Amino acid sequence: MSAALTARSTGKPVEDLSQRTESTRVLANPDSIWTLDCYS
């Protein structure tokens, strides 16, 4: 199941692990908006 589908069905943000790098993570939110977190 994709992160977006899981987020919608659970009502909680879900990390898309296929897009994770050493300095970023991508979250699928239940409202269909994606969030990119960047770290240094």
N, C-alpha and C. Protein backbone atom coordinates (compact mmCIF):
# COMPACT_ATOMS: atom_id res chain seq x y z
N MET A 1 0.86 -1.18 0.00
CA MET A 1 0.00 0.00 0.00
C MET A 1 0.90 1.24 0.00
N SER A 2 0.52 2.25 -0.73
CA SER A 2 1.34 3.46 -0.82
C SER A 2 1.19 4.30 0.46
N ALA A 3 2.17 5.17 0.67
CA ALA A 3 2.14 6.05 1.83
C ALA A 3 0.89 6.93 1.82
N ALA A 4 0.52 7.42 0.64
CA ALA A 4 -0.65 8.30 0.54
C ALA A 4 -1.93 7.55 0.93
N LEU A 5 -2.09 6.34 0.47
CA LEU A 5 -3.29 5.56 0.82
C LEU A 5 -3.31 5.23 2.30
N THR A 6 -2.16 4.88 2.84
CA THR A 6 -2.09 4.57 4.26
C THR A 6 -2.41 5.79 5.11
N ALA A 7 -1.88 6.95 4.72
CA ALA A 7 -2.17 8.18 5.46
C ALA A 7 -3.66 8.50 5.45
N ARG A 8 -4.28 8.36 4.29
CA ARG A 8 -5.73 8.64 4.22
C ARG A 8 -6.53 7.67 5.06
N SER A 9 -6.16 6.39 5.04
CA SER A 9 -6.95 5.40 5.77
C SER A 9 -6.73 5.46 7.28
N THR A 10 -5.53 5.88 7.72
CA THR A 10 -5.25 5.95 9.16
C THR A 10 -5.52 7.32 9.75
N GLY A 11 -5.52 8.36 8.89
CA GLY A 11 -5.71 9.72 9.39
C GLY A 11 -4.45 10.31 9.99
N LYS A 12 -3.28 9.67 9.75
CA LYS A 12 -2.02 10.14 10.30
C LYS A 12 -0.98 10.25 9.19
N PRO A 13 0.00 11.15 9.32
CA PRO A 13 1.07 11.24 8.33
C PRO A 13 1.87 9.94 8.27
N VAL A 14 2.31 9.60 7.06
CA VAL A 14 3.10 8.38 6.85
C VAL A 14 4.31 8.74 6.02
N GLU A 15 5.49 8.29 6.46
CA GLU A 15 6.71 8.56 5.71
C GLU A 15 6.78 7.67 4.47
N ASP A 16 7.16 8.29 3.35
CA ASP A 16 7.41 7.54 2.11
C ASP A 16 8.89 7.16 2.13
N LEU A 17 9.18 5.96 2.58
CA LEU A 17 10.57 5.53 2.77
C LEU A 17 11.34 5.44 1.46
N SER A 18 10.65 5.29 0.34
CA SER A 18 11.35 5.20 -0.94
C SER A 18 12.00 6.53 -1.34
N GLN A 19 11.59 7.62 -0.69
CA GLN A 19 12.15 8.93 -1.01
C GLN A 19 13.12 9.45 0.05
N ARG A 20 13.40 8.65 1.06
CA ARG A 20 14.28 9.08 2.15
C ARG A 20 15.73 9.15 1.70
N THR A 21 16.41 10.21 2.15
CA THR A 21 17.85 10.35 1.95
C THR A 21 18.48 10.64 3.30
N GLU A 22 19.79 10.88 3.31
CA GLU A 22 20.47 11.21 4.57
C GLU A 22 19.97 12.51 5.17
N SER A 23 19.49 13.42 4.32
CA SER A 23 19.13 14.75 4.82
C SER A 23 17.66 15.13 4.59
N THR A 24 16.86 14.23 4.05
CA THR A 24 15.45 14.55 3.83
C THR A 24 14.53 13.37 4.15
N ARG A 25 13.29 13.70 4.41
CA ARG A 25 12.24 12.69 4.49
C ARG A 25 10.97 13.31 3.91
N VAL A 26 10.13 12.47 3.34
CA VAL A 26 8.90 12.92 2.70
C VAL A 26 7.73 12.24 3.41
N LEU A 27 6.76 13.05 3.81
CA LEU A 27 5.58 12.54 4.49
C LEU A 27 4.34 12.73 3.63
N ALA A 28 3.53 11.70 3.57
CA ALA A 28 2.21 11.81 2.96
C ALA A 28 1.24 12.11 4.09
N ASN A 29 0.45 13.16 3.92
CA ASN A 29 -0.51 13.56 4.94
C ASN A 29 -1.91 13.10 4.56
N PRO A 30 -2.77 12.93 5.54
CA PRO A 30 -4.13 12.44 5.27
C PRO A 30 -4.94 13.35 4.34
N ASP A 31 -4.59 14.64 4.27
CA ASP A 31 -5.32 15.59 3.42
C ASP A 31 -4.76 15.64 2.00
N SER A 32 -3.91 14.67 1.65
CA SER A 32 -3.30 14.53 0.31
C SER A 32 -2.21 15.55 0.03
N ILE A 33 -1.76 16.27 1.03
CA ILE A 33 -0.63 17.20 0.87
C ILE A 33 0.63 16.48 1.32
N TRP A 34 1.72 16.68 0.57
CA TRP A 34 3.00 16.06 0.89
C TRP A 34 3.87 17.06 1.62
N THR A 35 4.65 16.58 2.59
CA THR A 35 5.56 17.42 3.37
C THR A 35 6.98 16.91 3.19
N LEU A 36 7.90 17.85 2.88
CA LEU A 36 9.32 17.53 2.76
C LEU A 36 10.03 18.13 3.94
N ASP A 37 10.67 17.29 4.75
CA ASP A 37 11.49 17.75 5.88
C ASP A 37 12.95 17.63 5.47
N CYS A 38 13.72 18.74 5.64
CA CYS A 38 15.14 18.75 5.30
C CYS A 38 15.96 18.94 6.57
N TYR A 39 17.04 18.19 6.66
CA TYR A 39 17.93 18.26 7.81
C TYR A 39 19.33 18.59 7.33
N SER A 40 20.11 19.25 8.17
CA SER A 40 21.49 19.54 7.79
C SER A 40 22.46 18.82 8.70
